[in-house]
Amino acid sequence: MGAGATAVDKATLDACCLEMEEALNTVYRQSREADGSIGPLEIRIVRAGTFEELMDYAISRGASINQYKAPRCVMFPPIVELLDSLVVSSHFSPALPHWTPARRSG
């Protein structure tokens, strides 16, 4: 862990996954609970310095250091592989989020 980092236990991170799922919209929760078409939400903890390595990779491929921002979504295989290689722990939602079918009036 880096300077100033605080360790968070597995149960807390797993509960955080469920809390995040509960905050998502009803379409997500229905797909997760009723349809089973979406798997559990996952939080991945990466090693300290990961985002600096990501920036270094982008700069090595021509990105401007002054214009660089960490991406919100990553699909480019070399970057996915880099991030995957730096994961130190993975945490999944321990239960299904609450969802009930909406009743139509009328």
C-alpha atoms as a PDB file:
ATOM      1  CA  MET A   1       0.000   0.000   0.000  1.00  0.00           C
ATOM      2  CA  GLY A   2       1.089   3.518  -0.729  1.00  0.00           C
ATOM      3  CA  ALA A   3       1.634   6.273   1.786  1.00  0.00           C
ATOM      4  CA  GLY A   4      -1.603   7.337   3.412  1.00  0.00           C
ATOM      5  CA  ALA A   5      -3.481   4.281   2.105  1.00  0.00           C
ATOM      6  CA  THR A   6      -5.961   2.602   4.400  1.00  0.00           C
ATOM      7  CA  ALA A   7      -6.667  -1.119   4.237  1.00  0.00           C
ATOM      8  CA  VAL A   8     -10.346  -1.977   3.892  1.00  0.00           C
ATOM      9  CA  ASP A   9     -11.521  -5.461   4.818  1.00  0.00           C
ATOM     10  CA  LYS A  10     -13.119  -7.858   2.318  1.00  0.00           C
ATOM     11  CA  ALA A  11     -16.573  -7.795   3.941  1.00  0.00           C
ATOM     12  CA  THR A  12     -16.725  -3.999   3.677  1.00  0.00           C
ATOM     13  CA  LEU A  13     -15.748  -4.012   0.000  1.00  0.00           C
ATOM     14  CA  ASP A  14     -18.226  -6.807  -0.778  1.00  0.00           C
ATOM     15  CA  ALA A  15     -20.966  -4.815   0.992  1.00  0.00           C
ATOM     16  CA  CYS A  16     -19.930  -1.755  -1.022  1.00  0.00           C
ATOM     17  CA  CYS A  17     -20.575  -3.733  -4.233  1.00  0.00           C
ATOM     18  CA  LEU A  18     -24.122  -4.509  -3.104  1.00  0.00           C
ATOM     19  CA  GLU A  19     -24.700  -0.913  -2.001  1.00  0.00           C
ATOM     20  CA  MET A  20     -23.624   0.307  -5.436  1.00  0.00           C
ATOM     21  CA  GLU A  21     -25.947  -2.190  -7.132  1.00  0.00           C
ATOM     22  CA  GLU A  22     -28.843  -1.013  -4.971  1.00  0.00           C
ATOM     23  CA  ALA A  23     -28.185   2.539  -6.203  1.00  0.00           C
ATOM     24  CA  LEU A  24     -28.442   1.567  -9.880  1.00  0.00           C
ATOM     25  CA  ASN A  25     -31.705   1.912 -11.785  1.00  0.00           C
ATOM     26  CA  THR A  26     -34.542  -0.585 -11.877  1.00  0.00           C
ATOM     27  CA  VAL A  27     -33.607  -1.862 -15.357  1.00  0.00           C
ATOM     28  CA  TYR A  28     -30.184  -2.910 -14.054  1.00  0.00           C
ATOM     29  CA  ARG A  29     -31.656  -4.509 -10.924  1.00  0.00           C
ATOM     30  CA  GLN A  30     -34.259  -6.401 -12.985  1.00  0.00           C
ATOM     31  CA  SER A  31     -31.555  -7.677 -15.347  1.00  0.00           C
ATOM     32  CA  ARG A  32     -29.486  -8.739 -12.365  1.00  0.00           C
ATOM     33  CA  GLU A  33     -32.227 -10.376 -10.263  1.00  0.00           C
ATOM     34  CA  ALA A  34     -35.112 -11.483 -12.484  1.00  0.00           C
ATOM     35  CA  ASP A  35     -33.396 -12.122 -15.808  1.00  0.00           C
ATOM     36  CA  GLY A  36     -29.979 -13.159 -14.537  1.00  0.00           C
ATOM     37  CA  SER A  37     -28.525 -11.531 -17.641  1.00  0.00           C
ATOM     38  CA  ILE A  38     -26.051  -9.432 -15.637  1.00  0.00           C
ATOM     39  CA  GLY A  39     -23.531 -10.905 -13.220  1.00  0.00           C
ATOM     40  CA  PRO A  40     -22.630  -9.427  -9.828  1.00  0.00           C
ATOM     41  CA  LEU A  41     -20.958  -6.031  -9.662  1.00  0.00           C
ATOM     42  CA  GLU A  42     -17.198  -6.296  -9.156  1.00  0.00           C
ATOM     43  CA  ILE A  43     -14.788  -3.868  -7.536  1.00  0.00           C
ATOM     44  CA  ARG A  44     -11.116  -4.418  -8.312  1.00  0.00           C
ATOM     45  CA  ILE A  45      -8.426  -2.924  -6.111  1.00  0.00           C
ATOM     46  CA  VAL A  46      -5.257  -2.113  -8.028  1.00  0.00           C
ATOM     47  CA  ARG A  47      -1.710  -1.709  -6.798  1.00  0.00           C
ATOM     48  CA  ALA A  48      -0.487   1.762  -5.817  1.00  0.00           C
ATOM     49  CA  GLY A  49       0.982   3.502  -8.862  1.00  0.00           C
ATOM     50  CA  THR A  50      -1.345   1.804 -11.350  1.00  0.00           C
ATOM     51  CA  PHE A  51      -2.743   5.031 -12.759  1.00  0.00           C
ATOM     52  CA  GLU A  52       0.749   6.476 -13.163  1.00  0.00           C
ATOM     53  CA  GLU A  53       1.666   3.361 -15.171  1.00  0.00           C
ATOM     54  CA  LEU A  54      -1.461   3.863 -17.268  1.00  0.00           C
ATOM     55  CA  MET A  55      -0.447   7.468 -17.939  1.00  0.00           C
ATOM     56  CA  ASP A  56       3.124   6.420 -18.792  1.00  0.00           C
ATOM     57  CA  TYR A  57       1.745   3.929 -21.321  1.00  0.00           C
ATOM     58  CA  ALA A  58      -0.461   6.602 -22.936  1.00  0.00           C
ATOM     59  CA  ILE A  59       2.426   9.089 -23.100  1.00  0.00           C
ATOM     60  CA  SER A  60       4.701   6.439 -24.641  1.00  0.00           C
ATOM     61  CA  ARG A  61       2.114   6.135 -27.422  1.00  0.00           C
ATOM     62  CA  GLY A  62       2.031   9.881 -28.133  1.00  0.00           C
ATOM     63  CA  ALA A  63      -0.483  11.323 -25.655  1.00  0.00           C
ATOM     64  CA  SER A  64       0.306  14.783 -24.294  1.00  0.00           C
ATOM     65  CA  ILE A  65       1.224  14.762 -20.605  1.00  0.00           C
ATOM     66  CA  ASN A  66      -0.604  18.088 -20.214  1.00  0.00           C
ATOM     67  CA  GLN A  67      -3.815  16.786 -21.793  1.00  0.00           C
ATOM     68  CA  TYR A  68      -3.876  13.276 -20.285  1.00  0.00           C
ATOM     69  CA  LYS A  69      -6.880  12.184 -18.222  1.00  0.00           C
ATOM     70  CA  ALA A  70      -7.405   8.673 -16.874  1.00  0.00           C
ATOM     71  CA  PRO A  71     -10.025   6.924 -19.024  1.00  0.00           C
ATOM     72  CA  ARG A  72     -13.480   6.133 -17.631  1.00  0.00           C
ATOM     73  CA  CYS A  73     -13.861   3.071 -19.835  1.00  0.00           C
ATOM     74  CA  VAL A  74     -11.097   0.878 -21.236  1.00  0.00           C
ATOM     75  CA  MET A  75     -11.460  -1.504 -24.176  1.00  0.00           C
ATOM     76  CA  PHE A  76      -8.016  -1.345 -25.843  1.00  0.00           C
ATOM     77  CA  PRO A  77      -6.570  -4.842 -25.134  1.00  0.00           C
ATOM     78  CA  PRO A  78      -3.042  -3.756 -24.074  1.00  0.00           C
ATOM     79  CA  ILE A  79      -4.496  -1.358 -21.489  1.00  0.00           C
ATOM     80  CA  VAL A  80      -6.981  -3.975 -20.239  1.00  0.00           C
ATOM     81  CA  GLU A  81      -4.079  -6.410 -19.861  1.00  0.00           C
ATOM     82  CA  LEU A  82      -2.007  -3.798 -18.004  1.00  0.00           C
ATOM     83  CA  LEU A  83      -4.844  -3.075 -15.581  1.00  0.00           C
ATOM     84  CA  ASP A  84      -5.605  -6.791 -15.093  1.00  0.00           C
ATOM     85  CA  SER A  85      -1.953  -7.429 -14.252  1.00  0.00           C
ATOM     86  CA  LEU A  86      -2.035  -4.836 -11.462  1.00  0.00           C
ATOM     87  CA  VAL A  87      -5.159  -6.065  -9.614  1.00  0.00           C
ATOM     88  CA  VAL A  88      -4.414  -6.959  -5.993  1.00  0.00           C
ATOM     89  CA  SER A  89      -7.948  -8.020  -4.983  1.00  0.00           C
ATOM     90  CA  SER A  90     -11.412  -8.464  -6.478  1.00  0.00           C
ATOM     91  CA  HIS A  91     -14.695  -8.083  -4.636  1.00  0.00           C
ATOM     92  CA  PHE A  92     -18.186  -9.082  -5.762  1.00  0.00           C
ATOM     93  CA  SER A  93     -21.672  -8.232  -4.618  1.00  0.00           C
ATOM     94  CA  PRO A  94     -22.584 -10.932  -2.061  1.00  0.00           C
ATOM     95  CA  ALA A  95     -26.328 -10.901  -2.815  1.00  0.00           C
ATOM     96  CA  LEU A  96     -28.871  -9.822  -5.385  1.00  0.00           C
ATOM     97  CA  PRO A  97     -30.029  -6.206  -5.272  1.00  0.00           C
ATOM     98  CA  HIS A  98     -33.620  -5.580  -4.212  1.00  0.00           C
ATOM     99  CA  TRP A  99     -36.040  -5.461  -7.134  1.00  0.00           C
ATOM    100  CA  THR A 100     -39.803  -5.826  -7.373  1.00  0.00           C
ATOM    101  CA  PRO A 101     -41.847  -5.686 -10.561  1.00  0.00           C
ATOM    102  CA  ALA A 102     -43.604  -2.362 -11.013  1.00  0.00           C
ATOM    103  CA  ARG A 103     -47.361  -2.639 -11.061  1.00  0.00           C
ATOM    104  CA  ARG A 104     -49.099  -0.803 -13.834  1.00  0.00           C
ATOM    105  CA  SER A 105     -52.085   1.272 -12.920  1.00  0.00           C
ATOM    106  CA  GLY A 106     -55.008   1.552 -15.193  1.00  0.00           C
END
